[in-house]
Amino acid sequence: MDQSPSPDAPPPPDPDRVAKVAVRVLVAVFAAALVAAVVVGVLVLRG
């Protein structure tokens, strides 16, 4: 298994699309962290 790119490899994605995906991932991670913080806070307050 060599790591050389195959001849029919897709072209590299454009930076604009990469930026959109990165922003979407950051928003998803932030939302997940926010939900986790709220859940932990509720558990601590009730605990």
Protein backbone atom coordinates (compact mmCIF):
# COMPACT_ATOMS: atom_id res chain seq x y z
CA MET A 1 0.00 0.00 0.00
CA ASP A 2 1.86 3.05 -1.24
CA GLN A 3 0.60 6.51 -0.37
CA SER A 4 1.06 7.89 -3.90
CA PRO A 5 -2.09 9.54 -5.28
CA SER A 6 -4.00 7.45 -7.80
CA PRO A 7 -4.36 8.72 -11.40
CA ASP A 8 -8.14 9.02 -11.04
CA ALA A 9 -7.94 10.91 -7.75
CA PRO A 10 -10.47 13.74 -7.42
CA PRO A 11 -9.13 17.29 -7.70
CA PRO A 12 -8.27 19.05 -4.45
CA PRO A 13 -11.30 20.83 -2.96
CA ASP A 14 -11.48 24.59 -3.34
CA PRO A 15 -10.60 26.70 -0.26
CA ASP A 16 -14.09 28.25 -0.13
CA ARG A 17 -15.74 24.86 0.27
CA VAL A 18 -13.13 23.82 2.84
CA ALA A 19 -13.86 26.99 4.82
CA LYS A 20 -17.60 26.31 4.77
CA VAL A 21 -17.07 22.75 5.98
CA ALA A 22 -14.67 23.95 8.68
CA VAL A 23 -17.18 26.52 9.93
CA ARG A 24 -19.92 23.88 9.96
CA VAL A 25 -17.70 21.51 11.96
CA LEU A 26 -16.77 24.28 14.42
CA VAL A 27 -20.45 25.16 14.92
CA ALA A 28 -21.32 21.49 15.48
CA VAL A 29 -18.51 21.07 18.02
CA PHE A 30 -19.51 24.29 19.79
CA ALA A 31 -23.16 23.19 19.94
CA ALA A 32 -22.17 19.78 21.30
CA ALA A 33 -19.97 21.38 23.96
CA LEU A 34 -22.77 23.78 24.91
CA VAL A 35 -25.28 20.94 25.26
CA ALA A 36 -22.79 18.91 27.31
CA ALA A 37 -22.14 21.89 29.59
CA VAL A 38 -25.87 22.41 30.15
CA VAL A 39 -26.41 18.72 30.90
CA VAL A 40 -23.50 18.64 33.36
CA GLY A 41 -24.76 21.84 34.98
CA VAL A 42 -28.24 20.42 35.46
CA LEU A 43 -26.84 17.18 36.87
CA VAL A 44 -24.60 19.08 39.30
CA LEU A 45 -27.42 21.37 40.41
CA ARG A 46 -29.75 18.42 40.97
CA GLY A 47 -27.03 16.24 42.47
